[in-house]
Amino acid sequence: MKPTKAAQRAQAKMEYDVFLAACPSRQLLDRISDKWVVLILCALGGDAADKGRTAGASGQPDAPATAQVMRYSELSRLLAGVSQKMLTQTLRALERDGLVIRTVKPTVPVTVTYELTDLGLSLHRLTRDLTRWAHSHMDQVLANREEHDARAS
């Protein structure tokens, strides 16, 4: 008897191994570790709007940011250094993976907005922690780089 599609997916899920080159989870890890993906998730997750908020005793903002619906042009302005081609490719890939919803409104000109799905929001929580870690440890990393470079010269 041939296993059902659901049984095949369950079996494949048990066999995911990011250390194998052909594993789809490695492709996903490659996608979500891209700097533009992280920055888009943080932008749509509301982290840019959250920058000016006061931090609590832990040094972190008191409440989580509110997810944003953003137009392409807003994302482009916010993400300094991203090319139009890279932003478009990244948004399409995120939409394909089910992390972002693209909505087209028939206005003149056409209005296109992007927002995180529930799956995208769950990943955003991780990327926000990653960017917070980078902010809080950047001085230490820079000092380590200077020390390393001084030893290497």
Protein backbone atom coordinates (compact mmCIF):
# COMPACT_ATOMS: atom_id res chain seq x y z
CA MET A 1 0.00 0.00 0.00
CA LYS A 2 1.36 3.39 -1.04
CA PRO A 3 1.66 5.95 1.81
CA THR A 4 -0.56 9.04 1.65
CA LYS A 5 0.88 12.47 0.81
CA ALA A 6 0.52 13.48 4.47
CA ALA A 7 2.42 10.36 5.57
CA GLN A 8 5.14 11.09 3.00
CA ARG A 9 5.48 14.68 4.30
CA ALA A 10 5.63 13.45 7.89
CA GLN A 11 8.35 10.94 6.97
CA ALA A 12 10.32 13.59 5.09
CA LYS A 13 10.03 15.97 8.05
CA MET A 14 11.55 13.36 10.35
CA GLU A 15 14.41 12.98 7.88
CA TYR A 16 15.29 16.70 7.52
CA ASP A 17 18.97 17.18 8.26
CA VAL A 18 20.45 20.62 7.73
CA PHE A 19 23.91 19.10 7.57
CA LEU A 20 23.06 17.29 4.31
CA ALA A 21 23.64 19.37 1.17
CA ALA A 22 20.40 18.29 -0.53
CA CYS A 23 18.14 18.82 2.47
CA PRO A 24 15.40 21.43 1.87
CA SER A 25 15.92 22.74 5.40
CA ARG A 26 19.42 23.86 4.34
CA GLN A 27 17.90 25.86 1.49
CA LEU A 28 15.49 27.45 3.95
CA LEU A 29 18.31 28.21 6.38
CA ASP A 30 20.25 29.82 3.54
CA ARG A 31 17.22 31.96 2.71
CA ILE A 32 16.41 33.12 6.23
CA SER A 33 20.04 33.86 7.12
CA ASP A 34 20.32 36.40 4.29
CA LYS A 35 20.80 39.96 5.61
CA TRP A 36 18.05 41.39 3.38
CA VAL A 37 15.57 38.77 4.58
CA VAL A 38 16.40 39.58 8.21
CA LEU A 39 16.08 43.32 7.57
CA ILE A 40 12.78 42.96 5.67
CA LEU A 41 11.34 40.79 8.44
CA CYS A 42 12.45 43.33 11.04
CA ALA A 43 11.02 46.23 9.02
CA LEU A 44 7.66 44.53 8.50
CA GLY A 45 7.73 43.39 12.12
CA GLY A 46 7.78 47.04 13.20
CA ASP A 47 11.32 47.14 14.56
CA ALA A 48 12.17 50.35 12.67
CA ALA A 49 9.16 52.11 14.22
CA ASP A 50 10.24 50.65 17.57
CA LYS A 51 13.73 52.24 17.48
CA GLY A 52 12.77 55.37 19.38
CA ARG A 53 10.91 53.59 22.18
CA THR A 54 12.26 53.59 25.71
CA ALA A 55 13.94 50.47 26.96
CA GLY A 56 12.98 48.80 30.18
CA ALA A 57 15.32 47.60 32.94
CA SER A 58 16.54 44.76 30.72
CA GLY A 59 17.71 47.23 28.09
CA GLN A 60 15.05 45.91 25.70
CA PRO A 61 11.88 47.74 24.68
CA ASP A 62 9.07 47.11 27.16
CA ALA A 63 6.60 45.74 24.61
CA PRO A 64 7.01 44.02 21.27
CA ALA A 65 6.81 46.11 18.12
CA THR A 66 3.61 46.19 16.11
CA ALA A 67 3.76 44.55 12.71
CA GLN A 68 3.62 46.96 9.79
CA VAL A 69 2.00 46.94 6.37
CA MET A 70 4.47 48.65 4.08
CA ARG A 71 4.65 49.70 0.47
CA TYR A 72 7.61 48.70 -1.67
CA SER A 73 8.87 52.29 -1.73
CA GLU A 74 8.80 52.47 2.09
CA LEU A 75 10.85 49.30 2.35
CA SER A 76 13.26 50.56 -0.28
CA ARG A 77 13.83 53.84 1.60
CA LEU A 78 14.21 52.09 4.96
CA LEU A 79 16.69 49.44 3.79
CA ALA A 80 19.70 51.56 2.93
CA GLY A 81 21.86 49.96 0.26
CA VAL A 82 19.39 47.42 -1.11
CA SER A 83 19.05 47.46 -4.89
CA GLN A 84 15.66 47.40 -6.56
CA LYS A 85 16.49 44.00 -8.05
CA MET A 86 17.54 42.50 -4.69
CA LEU A 87 14.52 43.88 -2.84
CA THR A 88 12.16 42.55 -5.51
CA GLN A 89 13.81 39.10 -5.57
CA THR A 90 13.82 38.86 -1.78
CA LEU A 91 10.17 39.90 -1.42
CA ARG A 92 9.14 37.37 -4.10
CA ALA A 93 11.07 34.61 -2.32
CA LEU A 94 9.50 35.51 1.03
CA GLU A 95 6.06 35.50 -0.58
CA ARG A 96 6.75 32.10 -2.16
CA ASP A 97 7.82 30.68 1.22
CA GLY A 98 4.63 31.99 2.84
CA LEU A 99 6.40 34.49 5.10
CA VAL A 100 5.03 37.64 3.43
CA ILE A 101 1.69 38.55 1.90
CA ARG A 102 1.73 40.80 -1.16
CA THR A 103 -1.49 42.75 -1.69
CA VAL A 104 -2.25 44.64 -4.89
CA LYS A 105 -4.90 47.37 -4.74
CA PRO A 106 -6.36 48.61 -8.03
CA THR A 107 -5.64 52.30 -7.58
CA VAL A 108 -3.98 54.74 -9.98
CA PRO A 109 -1.12 54.08 -9.75
CA VAL A 110 -1.47 50.52 -8.44
CA THR A 111 -0.74 50.21 -4.71
CA VAL A 112 1.26 47.17 -3.61
CA THR A 113 1.77 46.46 0.08
CA TYR A 114 3.61 43.78 2.01
CA GLU A 115 2.96 42.34 5.44
CA LEU A 116 4.10 39.36 7.48
CA THR A 117 2.04 36.18 7.66
CA ASP A 118 1.71 34.32 10.96
CA LEU A 119 4.64 32.18 9.84
CA GLY A 120 6.62 35.34 9.03
CA LEU A 121 5.76 36.81 12.43
CA SER A 122 7.07 33.69 14.17
CA LEU A 123 10.36 34.02 12.28
CA HIS A 124 10.45 37.77 12.96
CA ARG A 125 10.62 37.09 16.70
CA LEU A 126 13.90 35.23 16.11
CA THR A 127 15.34 37.84 13.77
CA ARG A 128 14.50 40.60 16.24
CA ASP A 129 16.45 38.74 18.92
CA LEU A 130 19.33 38.31 16.47
CA THR A 131 19.46 42.02 15.63
CA ARG A 132 19.22 42.93 19.33
CA TRP A 133 22.15 40.60 20.02
CA ALA A 134 24.14 42.31 17.26
CA HIS A 135 23.39 45.76 18.70
CA SER A 136 24.26 44.82 22.27
CA HIS A 137 27.50 43.02 21.37
CA MET A 138 28.80 45.24 18.55
CA ASP A 139 31.29 47.12 20.75
CA GLN A 140 32.78 43.83 21.95
CA VAL A 141 32.99 42.46 18.40
CA LEU A 142 34.68 45.65 17.15
CA ALA A 143 37.21 45.47 20.00
CA ASN A 144 37.90 41.81 19.20
CA ARG A 145 38.44 42.69 15.53
CA GLU A 146 40.90 45.44 16.43
CA GLU A 147 42.79 43.11 18.78
CA HIS A 148 42.90 40.36 16.17
CA ASP A 149 44.04 42.71 13.41
CA ALA A 150 46.77 44.16 15.65
CA ARG A 151 48.10 40.66 16.35
CA ALA A 152 47.93 39.72 12.67
CA SER A 153 49.99 42.70 11.48
